């Protein structure tokens, strides 16, 4: 079975998360994008502790598409150093995992 990944991305706001999510789903780099608003972040950046509001973007994809997905997110993202990390899915509802695999990558011509 194809290894499925959840890709965790932070974005500056909901509009940016939706824009990135829509692009990568349309390009079949991800099968689904979930946007969660209202995250508060505390992080160290350029020598000082920062605070800010962000949105979370969770993408479902295949492992073999991660490099292309990551590169596209970085291209579309407003941050100098965007958070783009992949978490492997150990198990799940197999029809759902099959759906992710089937909705990503090149389309088959019949």
Protein backbone atom coordinates (compact mmCIF):
# COMPACT_ATOMS: atom_id res chain seq x y z
CA UNK A 1 0.00 0.00 0.00
CA UNK A 2 1.11 3.53 -0.74
CA UNK A 3 2.39 5.42 2.32
CA UNK A 4 -0.06 8.20 3.19
CA UNK A 5 1.12 11.41 4.87
CA UNK A 6 -0.56 14.20 6.75
CA UNK A 7 1.34 17.40 6.02
CA UNK A 8 1.18 20.11 8.68
CA UNK A 9 1.62 23.70 7.49
CA UNK A 10 1.21 27.00 9.31
CA UNK A 11 0.03 30.06 7.42
CA UNK A 12 -0.26 33.75 8.20
CA UNK A 13 -4.05 33.69 8.03
CA UNK A 14 -7.02 31.71 6.76
CA UNK A 15 -6.94 33.33 3.33
CA UNK A 16 -3.35 32.22 2.76
CA UNK A 17 -4.06 28.69 4.04
CA UNK A 18 -7.11 28.43 1.75
CA UNK A 19 -5.17 29.77 -1.25
CA UNK A 20 -2.37 27.24 -0.75
CA UNK A 21 -4.80 24.41 0.00
CA UNK A 22 -6.90 25.08 -3.07
CA UNK A 23 -3.83 25.24 -5.33
CA UNK A 24 -2.28 21.97 -4.16
CA UNK A 25 -5.60 20.08 -4.25
CA UNK A 26 -6.32 21.44 -7.74
CA UNK A 27 -2.83 20.34 -8.83
CA UNK A 28 -3.45 16.85 -7.31
CA UNK A 29 -0.49 17.20 -4.94
CA UNK A 30 -2.95 16.65 -2.07
CA UNK A 31 -6.36 14.99 -1.94
CA UNK A 32 -7.72 17.21 0.81
CA UNK A 33 -6.89 20.39 2.70
CA UNK A 34 -8.22 21.19 6.17
CA UNK A 35 -7.95 24.80 7.35
CA UNK A 36 -8.12 25.56 11.06
CA UNK A 37 -8.31 29.17 12.18
CA UNK A 38 -7.40 30.81 15.45
CA UNK A 39 -4.04 29.29 16.33
CA UNK A 40 -1.79 31.39 18.56
CA UNK A 41 1.92 30.79 18.06
CA UNK A 42 4.87 31.59 20.32
CA UNK A 43 8.21 31.09 18.62
CA UNK A 44 11.80 32.22 18.53
CA UNK A 45 12.66 34.17 15.37
CA UNK A 46 15.76 36.19 14.59
CA UNK A 47 16.94 36.24 18.19
CA UNK A 48 13.74 37.11 20.00
CA UNK A 49 10.53 35.50 21.15
CA UNK A 50 7.59 36.37 18.91
CA UNK A 51 3.84 35.87 19.23
CA UNK A 52 1.26 35.83 16.49
CA UNK A 53 -1.97 34.49 15.08
CA UNK A 54 -1.81 31.86 12.38
CA UNK A 55 -3.97 29.32 10.60
CA UNK A 56 -3.19 25.62 10.35
CA UNK A 57 -3.33 23.77 7.05
CA UNK A 58 -3.41 19.97 7.14
CA UNK A 59 -2.96 18.24 3.80
CA UNK A 60 -3.46 14.55 2.96
CA UNK A 61 -1.12 13.15 0.32
CA UNK A 62 1.13 10.28 -0.73
CA UNK A 63 4.74 10.02 0.37
CA UNK A 64 6.02 9.99 -3.22
CA UNK A 65 4.44 13.42 -3.79
CA UNK A 66 5.87 15.10 -0.69
CA UNK A 67 8.89 16.77 -2.32
CA UNK A 68 6.75 18.33 -5.07
CA UNK A 69 4.08 19.33 -2.52
CA UNK A 70 6.64 20.90 -0.19
CA UNK A 71 8.26 22.84 -3.04
CA UNK A 72 4.87 24.15 -4.22
CA UNK A 73 3.87 25.23 -0.71
CA UNK A 74 7.18 27.09 -0.26
CA UNK A 75 6.64 28.77 -3.65
CA UNK A 76 3.12 29.93 -2.71
CA UNK A 77 3.84 30.83 0.93
CA UNK A 78 4.42 34.34 2.26
CA UNK A 79 6.83 33.27 5.02
CA UNK A 80 10.57 33.35 4.58
CA UNK A 81 10.77 29.98 6.40
CA UNK A 82 7.40 28.20 6.29
CA UNK A 83 6.63 25.22 8.51
CA UNK A 84 5.99 22.24 6.22
CA UNK A 85 6.35 18.88 7.98
CA UNK A 86 5.04 15.44 7.10
CA UNK A 87 3.63 12.90 9.52
CA UNK A 88 3.19 9.31 8.32
CA UNK A 89 -0.23 7.73 8.76
CA UNK A 90 0.36 4.41 10.52
CA UNK A 91 -3.10 3.02 9.85
CA UNK A 92 -6.66 4.11 9.25
CA UNK A 93 -9.92 3.43 7.46
CA UNK A 94 -8.58 1.72 4.34
CA UNK A 95 -11.22 3.05 1.91
CA UNK A 96 -10.33 6.59 3.04
CA UNK A 97 -6.60 5.97 2.62
CA UNK A 98 -7.27 4.48 -0.82
CA UNK A 99 -9.26 7.60 -1.70
CA UNK A 100 -6.27 9.81 -0.82
CA UNK A 101 -4.01 7.67 -3.01
CA UNK A 102 -6.49 7.79 -5.87
CA UNK A 103 -7.09 11.55 -5.77
CA UNK A 104 -3.42 12.50 -5.90
CA UNK A 105 -0.83 12.36 -8.62
CA UNK A 106 -1.39 12.32 -12.37
CA UNK A 107 -4.83 11.51 -13.65
CA UNK A 108 -5.19 8.34 -15.66
CA UNK A 109 -6.38 8.65 -19.25
CA UNK A 110 -8.83 5.91 -20.18
